[in-house]
Amino acid sequence: MLATKDLDKTLLVIGDSLSAGLGVEPENAWVSLLDTRLHNEGYKYSVVNASITGDTTGGGLRRLPRSLKVHQPSLVIIELGGNDGLRALPIPMIRKNLAKMIKLSRAHNAEVILSGMKIPPNYGETYTKAFSNIYPELAKAHDVALIDFFMDGVALNPDFMQSDGIHPNDEAQPRLLDNVWQVLLPLLQKTQ
């Protein structure tokens, strides 16, 4: 384990309950597992989890400037939008908020990973498709890394979900970390 003084870079996670670890033991949450993996594999990053349960892209956008100023991250993982979609907020607004978050992060010289989200089909085909398309479209337009679907392998597996059917349980956290790690690792190697 690296001592805090040996850590020279910061990775900021700004997200909602999926990254805040709602309903799971704090040490089992994927962001905590990420911190451990980074240290175990010799990457000199401290992980700051700026995730808040229930947050939306609007809330994340309001909070991001202060987080960037205080923590000066080299990498930012944006895991937001699920709550916007579940509230059927306007697609252009969600897209605009995420785009601003990407631009703010880039303006602070941080690499960005955008976590793709999907919502249940009961919101209608038009909205559901437009929502899921936000992420790859933004990733392409802003040339940032994309996790195609953050909840891949988790969302439809009842063994990995809490009783609410929305939030991943402790057993799902390593899978969420793997989904992130596949996209994060090339950026870590690039910024070493």
C-alpha atoms as a PDB file:
ATOM      1  CA  MET A   1       0.000   0.000   0.000  1.00  0.00           C
ATOM      2  CA  LEU A   2       1.323   3.419  -0.961  1.00  0.00           C
ATOM      3  CA  ALA A   3       1.504   6.126   1.669  1.00  0.00           C
ATOM      4  CA  THR A   4      -0.541   9.280   1.003  1.00  0.00           C
ATOM      5  CA  LYS A   5       2.632  11.319   0.501  1.00  0.00           C
ATOM      6  CA  ASP A   6       3.591   8.964  -2.360  1.00  0.00           C
ATOM      7  CA  LEU A   7       0.389   9.675  -4.279  1.00  0.00           C
ATOM      8  CA  ASP A   8       0.942  12.333  -6.904  1.00  0.00           C
ATOM      9  CA  LYS A   9      -2.306  12.256  -8.875  1.00  0.00           C
ATOM     10  CA  THR A  10      -5.996  12.358  -8.110  1.00  0.00           C
ATOM     11  CA  LEU A  11      -8.845  10.480  -9.732  1.00  0.00           C
ATOM     12  CA  LEU A  12     -12.238  12.101  -9.134  1.00  0.00           C
ATOM     13  CA  VAL A  13     -15.471  10.124  -9.369  1.00  0.00           C
ATOM     14  CA  ILE A  14     -18.566  12.286  -9.639  1.00  0.00           C
ATOM     15  CA  GLY A  15     -21.711  10.228  -9.652  1.00  0.00           C
ATOM     16  CA  ASP A  16     -24.962   9.221  -8.021  1.00  0.00           C
ATOM     17  CA  SER A  17     -26.004   6.370  -5.707  1.00  0.00           C
ATOM     18  CA  LEU A  18     -24.341   3.785  -7.954  1.00  0.00           C
ATOM     19  CA  SER A  19     -20.957   5.305  -7.153  1.00  0.00           C
ATOM     20  CA  ALA A  20     -21.832   6.556  -3.662  1.00  0.00           C
ATOM     21  CA  GLY A  21     -22.390   2.895  -2.741  1.00  0.00           C
ATOM     22  CA  LEU A  22     -25.977   3.142  -1.535  1.00  0.00           C
ATOM     23  CA  GLY A  23     -26.905   0.023   0.417  1.00  0.00           C
ATOM     24  CA  VAL A  24     -23.482  -1.617   0.335  1.00  0.00           C
ATOM     25  CA  GLU A  25     -20.691  -1.747   2.870  1.00  0.00           C
ATOM     26  CA  PRO A  26     -18.402   1.243   2.190  1.00  0.00           C
ATOM     27  CA  GLU A  27     -15.293  -0.907   1.816  1.00  0.00           C
ATOM     28  CA  ASN A  28     -17.103  -3.083  -0.766  1.00  0.00           C
ATOM     29  CA  ALA A  29     -18.281  -0.225  -3.007  1.00  0.00           C
ATOM     30  CA  TRP A  30     -16.668  -0.167  -6.435  1.00  0.00           C
ATOM     31  CA  VAL A  31     -14.969   3.193  -5.813  1.00  0.00           C
ATOM     32  CA  SER A  32     -13.273   1.786  -2.684  1.00  0.00           C
ATOM     33  CA  LEU A  33     -12.294  -1.309  -4.662  1.00  0.00           C
ATOM     34  CA  LEU A  34     -10.843   0.980  -7.335  1.00  0.00           C
ATOM     35  CA  ASP A  35      -8.729   2.789  -4.756  1.00  0.00           C
ATOM     36  CA  THR A  36      -7.384  -0.545  -3.516  1.00  0.00           C
ATOM     37  CA  ARG A  37      -6.657  -1.832  -7.030  1.00  0.00           C
ATOM     38  CA  LEU A  38      -4.826   1.342  -8.007  1.00  0.00           C
ATOM     39  CA  HIS A  39      -2.581   1.057  -4.945  1.00  0.00           C
ATOM     40  CA  ASN A  40      -2.046  -2.690  -5.369  1.00  0.00           C
ATOM     41  CA  GLU A  41      -1.026  -2.237  -9.005  1.00  0.00           C
ATOM     42  CA  GLY A  42       1.339   0.632  -8.229  1.00  0.00           C
ATOM     43  CA  TYR A  43      -0.607   3.534  -9.713  1.00  0.00           C
ATOM     44  CA  LYS A  44       0.065   6.630  -7.654  1.00  0.00           C
ATOM     45  CA  TYR A  45      -3.489   7.958  -7.527  1.00  0.00           C
ATOM     46  CA  SER A  46      -5.659   8.987  -4.656  1.00  0.00           C
ATOM     47  CA  VAL A  47      -9.359   8.461  -5.339  1.00  0.00           C
ATOM     48  CA  VAL A  48     -11.868  11.135  -4.368  1.00  0.00           C
ATOM     49  CA  ASN A  49     -15.490  10.023  -4.415  1.00  0.00           C
ATOM     50  CA  ALA A  50     -17.682  13.077  -5.001  1.00  0.00           C
ATOM     51  CA  SER A  51     -20.813  10.999  -5.574  1.00  0.00           C
ATOM     52  CA  ILE A  52     -24.140  11.787  -3.960  1.00  0.00           C
ATOM     53  CA  THR A  53     -27.168   9.512  -3.837  1.00  0.00           C
ATOM     54  CA  GLY A  54     -30.018  10.907  -5.914  1.00  0.00           C
ATOM     55  CA  ASP A  55     -27.820  13.319  -7.840  1.00  0.00           C
ATOM     56  CA  THR A  56     -28.605  14.422 -11.384  1.00  0.00           C
ATOM     57  CA  THR A  57     -26.455  15.874 -14.124  1.00  0.00           C
ATOM     58  CA  GLY A  58     -27.604  19.334 -13.015  1.00  0.00           C
ATOM     59  CA  GLY A  59     -26.456  18.698  -9.449  1.00  0.00           C
ATOM     60  CA  GLY A  60     -23.175  17.251 -10.649  1.00  0.00           C
ATOM     61  CA  LEU A  61     -22.580  20.248 -12.886  1.00  0.00           C
ATOM     62  CA  ARG A  62     -23.161  22.636  -9.980  1.00  0.00           C
ATOM     63  CA  ARG A  63     -20.740  20.703  -7.751  1.00  0.00           C
ATOM     64  CA  LEU A  64     -18.019  19.949 -10.280  1.00  0.00           C
ATOM     65  CA  PRO A  65     -16.186  23.325 -10.413  1.00  0.00           C
ATOM     66  CA  ARG A  66     -15.424  23.235  -6.691  1.00  0.00           C
ATOM     67  CA  SER A  67     -14.327  19.583  -6.837  1.00  0.00           C
ATOM     68  CA  LEU A  68     -11.991  20.359  -9.738  1.00  0.00           C
ATOM     69  CA  LYS A  69     -10.526  23.364  -7.946  1.00  0.00           C
ATOM     70  CA  VAL A  70     -10.026  21.588  -4.615  1.00  0.00           C
ATOM     71  CA  HIS A  71      -8.761  18.216  -5.878  1.00  0.00           C
ATOM     72  CA  GLN A  72      -7.026  19.111  -9.187  1.00  0.00           C
ATOM     73  CA  PRO A  73      -7.726  15.627 -10.639  1.00  0.00           C
ATOM     74  CA  SER A  74      -5.784  14.107 -13.494  1.00  0.00           C
ATOM     75  CA  LEU A  75      -8.722  11.833 -14.273  1.00  0.00           C
ATOM     76  CA  VAL A  76     -12.466  12.387 -13.873  1.00  0.00           C
ATOM     77  CA  ILE A  77     -15.071   9.634 -14.105  1.00  0.00           C
ATOM     78  CA  ILE A  78     -18.550  11.052 -14.733  1.00  0.00           C
ATOM     79  CA  GLU A  79     -21.212   8.555 -13.681  1.00  0.00           C
ATOM     80  CA  LEU A  80     -24.390  10.613 -13.867  1.00  0.00           C
ATOM     81  CA  GLY A  81     -27.627  10.718 -15.805  1.00  0.00           C
ATOM     82  CA  GLY A  82     -29.493   7.690 -14.474  1.00  0.00           C
ATOM     83  CA  ASN A  83     -31.621   9.788 -12.140  1.00  0.00           C
ATOM     84  CA  ASP A  84     -32.274  12.287 -14.926  1.00  0.00           C
ATOM     85  CA  GLY A  85     -33.545   9.466 -17.110  1.00  0.00           C
ATOM     86  CA  LEU A  86     -35.680   7.936 -14.374  1.00  0.00           C
ATOM     87  CA  ARG A  87     -37.286  11.374 -13.942  1.00  0.00           C
ATOM     88  CA  ALA A  88     -37.727  11.663 -17.729  1.00  0.00           C
ATOM     89  CA  LEU A  89     -35.863  14.985 -17.760  1.00  0.00           C
ATOM     90  CA  PRO A  90     -35.405  16.532 -21.224  1.00  0.00           C
ATOM     91  CA  ILE A  91     -32.727  14.841 -23.317  1.00  0.00           C
ATOM     92  CA  PRO A  92     -31.203  18.159 -24.537  1.00  0.00           C
ATOM     93  CA  MET A  93     -30.763  19.292 -20.929  1.00  0.00           C
ATOM     94  CA  ILE A  94     -29.055  16.040 -19.891  1.00  0.00           C
ATOM     95  CA  ARG A  95     -26.765  16.223 -22.914  1.00  0.00           C
ATOM     96  CA  LYS A  96     -25.932  19.884 -22.249  1.00  0.00           C
ATOM     97  CA  ASN A  97     -25.109  19.257 -18.577  1.00  0.00           C
ATOM     98  CA  LEU A  98     -22.835  16.305 -19.356  1.00  0.00           C
ATOM     99  CA  ALA A  99     -21.125  18.234 -22.164  1.00  0.00           C
ATOM    100  CA  LYS A 100     -20.428  21.113 -19.777  1.00  0.00           C
ATOM    101  CA  MET A 101     -18.983  18.679 -17.227  1.00  0.00           C
ATOM    102  CA  ILE A 102     -16.668  17.233 -19.862  1.00  0.00           C
ATOM    103  CA  LYS A 103     -15.540  20.706 -20.951  1.00  0.00           C
ATOM    104  CA  LEU A 104     -14.963  21.863 -17.363  1.00  0.00           C
ATOM    105  CA  SER A 105     -12.895  18.766 -16.597  1.00  0.00           C
ATOM    106  CA  ARG A 106     -10.859  19.205 -19.757  1.00  0.00           C
ATOM    107  CA  ALA A 107     -10.309  22.885 -18.948  1.00  0.00           C
ATOM    108  CA  HIS A 108      -8.673  21.669 -15.716  1.00  0.00           C
ATOM    109  CA  ASN A 109      -6.399  19.345 -17.762  1.00  0.00           C
ATOM    110  CA  ALA A 110      -8.159  16.177 -16.662  1.00  0.00           C
ATOM    111  CA  GLU A 111      -8.752  13.119 -18.800  1.00  0.00           C
ATOM    112  CA  VAL A 112     -12.441  12.153 -18.763  1.00  0.00           C
ATOM    113  CA  ILE A 113     -14.282   8.861 -18.696  1.00  0.00           C
ATOM    114  CA  LEU A 114     -18.003   9.033 -19.351  1.00  0.00           C
ATOM    115  CA  SER A 115     -20.094   6.215 -17.876  1.00  0.00           C
ATOM    116  CA  GLY A 116     -22.890   5.212 -20.208  1.00  0.00           C
ATOM    117  CA  MET A 117     -26.291   4.543 -18.698  1.00  0.00           C
ATOM    118  CA  LYS A 118     -29.543   3.001 -19.881  1.00  0.00           C
ATOM    119  CA  ILE A 119     -33.066   3.226 -18.539  1.00  0.00           C
ATOM    120  CA  PRO A 120     -35.939   0.712 -18.544  1.00  0.00           C
ATOM    121  CA  PRO A 121     -38.004   0.419 -21.759  1.00  0.00           C
ATOM    122  CA  ASN A 122     -41.207   1.566 -20.046  1.00  0.00           C
ATOM    123  CA  TYR A 123     -40.203   5.182 -20.785  1.00  0.00           C
ATOM    124  CA  GLY A 124     -41.030   4.579 -24.426  1.00  0.00           C
ATOM    125  CA  GLU A 125     -38.792   3.656 -27.315  1.00  0.00           C
ATOM    126  CA  THR A 126     -38.125   7.226 -28.455  1.00  0.00           C
ATOM    127  CA  TYR A 127     -37.015   8.537 -25.061  1.00  0.00           C
ATOM    128  CA  THR A 128     -35.158   5.345 -24.078  1.00  0.00           C
ATOM    129  CA  LYS A 129     -33.143   5.302 -27.300  1.00  0.00           C
ATOM    130  CA  ALA A 130     -32.423   9.043 -27.213  1.00  0.00           C
ATOM    131  CA  PHE A 131     -31.257   8.717 -23.600  1.00  0.00           C
ATOM    132  CA  SER A 132     -28.860   5.817 -24.227  1.00  0.00           C
ATOM    133  CA  ASN A 133     -27.469   7.605 -27.314  1.00  0.00           C
ATOM    134  CA  ILE A 134     -26.409  10.646 -25.271  1.00  0.00           C
ATOM    135  CA  TYR A 135     -23.290   8.903 -23.984  1.00  0.00           C
ATOM    136  CA  PRO A 136     -21.678   7.561 -27.169  1.00  0.00           C
ATOM    137  CA  GLU A 137     -22.568  10.779 -28.995  1.00  0.00           C
ATOM    138  CA  LEU A 138     -20.886  12.937 -26.347  1.00  0.00           C
ATOM    139  CA  ALA A 139     -17.878  10.634 -26.092  1.00  0.00           C
ATOM    140  CA  LYS A 140     -17.362  10.873 -29.834  1.00  0.00           C
ATOM    141  CA  ALA A 141     -18.006  14.624 -30.048  1.00  0.00           C
ATOM    142  CA  HIS A 142     -15.591  15.415 -27.199  1.00  0.00           C
ATOM    143  CA  ASP A 143     -13.119  12.569 -27.803  1.00  0.00           C
ATOM    144  CA  VAL A 144     -13.390  11.117 -24.302  1.00  0.00           C
ATOM    145  CA  ALA A 145     -13.288   7.539 -23.115  1.00  0.00           C
ATOM    146  CA  LEU A 146     -16.635   5.765 -22.755  1.00  0.00           C
ATOM    147  CA  ILE A 147     -17.859   2.930 -20.585  1.00  0.00           C
ATOM    148  CA  ASP A 148     -20.583   1.672 -22.918  1.00  0.00           C
ATOM    149  CA  PHE A 149     -22.920   0.647 -20.094  1.00  0.00           C
ATOM    150  CA  PHE A 150     -21.754   1.076 -16.519  1.00  0.00           C
ATOM    151  CA  MET A 151     -24.210  -1.568 -15.237  1.00  0.00           C
ATOM    152  CA  ASP A 152     -23.312  -4.154 -17.897  1.00  0.00           C
ATOM    153  CA  GLY A 153     -23.658  -7.669 -16.490  1.00  0.00           C
ATOM    154  CA  VAL A 154     -25.328  -6.306 -13.364  1.00  0.00           C
ATOM    155  CA  ALA A 155     -28.595  -4.528 -14.226  1.00  0.00           C
ATOM    156  CA  LEU A 156     -30.560  -7.568 -15.373  1.00  0.00           C
ATOM    157  CA  ASN A 157     -29.032 -10.069 -12.957  1.00  0.00           C
ATOM    158  CA  PRO A 158     -31.194 -10.412  -9.820  1.00  0.00           C
ATOM    159  CA  ASP A 159     -28.254 -11.995  -7.961  1.00  0.00           C
ATOM    160  CA  PHE A 160     -26.416  -8.677  -8.279  1.00  0.00           C
ATOM    161  CA  MET A 161     -29.253  -6.358  -7.320  1.00  0.00           C
ATOM    162  CA  GLN A 162     -30.617  -5.159  -4.008  1.00  0.00           C
ATOM    163  CA  SER A 163     -34.284  -5.788  -3.243  1.00  0.00           C
ATOM    164  CA  ASP A 164     -35.255  -2.436  -4.834  1.00  0.00           C
ATOM    165  CA  GLY A 165     -34.177  -3.798  -8.230  1.00  0.00           C
ATOM    166  CA  ILE A 166     -32.306  -0.548  -8.944  1.00  0.00           C
ATOM    167  CA  HIS A 167     -29.133  -0.582  -6.871  1.00  0.00           C
ATOM    168  CA  PRO A 168     -26.306  -3.120  -7.157  1.00  0.00           C
ATOM    169  CA  ASN A 169     -25.490  -5.187  -4.069  1.00  0.00           C
ATOM    170  CA  ASP A 170     -22.085  -5.982  -2.538  1.00  0.00           C
ATOM    171  CA  GLU A 171     -21.553  -8.937  -4.886  1.00  0.00           C
ATOM    172  CA  ALA A 172     -21.991  -6.686  -7.943  1.00  0.00           C
ATOM    173  CA  GLN A 173     -19.309  -4.180  -6.981  1.00  0.00           C
ATOM    174  CA  PRO A 174     -16.318  -6.090  -8.423  1.00  0.00           C
ATOM    175  CA  ARG A 175     -18.200  -6.386 -11.730  1.00  0.00           C
ATOM    176  CA  LEU A 176     -18.836  -2.625 -11.767  1.00  0.00           C
ATOM    177  CA  LEU A 177     -15.139  -2.078 -11.085  1.00  0.00           C
ATOM    178  CA  ASP A 178     -14.250  -4.382 -13.982  1.00  0.00           C
ATOM    179  CA  ASN A 179     -16.535  -2.375 -16.285  1.00  0.00           C
ATOM    180  CA  VAL A 180     -14.676   0.784 -15.272  1.00  0.00           C
ATOM    181  CA  TRP A 181     -11.198  -0.765 -15.233  1.00  0.00           C
ATOM    182  CA  GLN A 182     -11.368  -1.902 -18.878  1.00  0.00           C
ATOM    183  CA  VAL A 183     -11.708   1.725 -19.953  1.00  0.00           C
ATOM    184  CA  LEU A 184      -9.583   3.273 -17.206  1.00  0.00           C
ATOM    185  CA  LEU A 185      -6.474   1.124 -17.629  1.00  0.00           C
ATOM    186  CA  PRO A 186      -5.384   2.578 -21.014  1.00  0.00           C
ATOM    187  CA  LEU A 187      -5.707   6.091 -19.556  1.00  0.00           C
ATOM    188  CA  LEU A 188      -3.671   5.119 -16.505  1.00  0.00           C
ATOM    189  CA  GLN A 189      -0.941   3.745 -18.734  1.00  0.00           C
ATOM    190  CA  LYS A 190      -1.061   6.908 -20.840  1.00  0.00           C
ATOM    191  CA  THR A 191      -0.769   9.260 -17.853  1.00  0.00           C
ATOM    192  CA  GLN A 192       1.937   7.367 -15.919  1.00  0.00           C
END
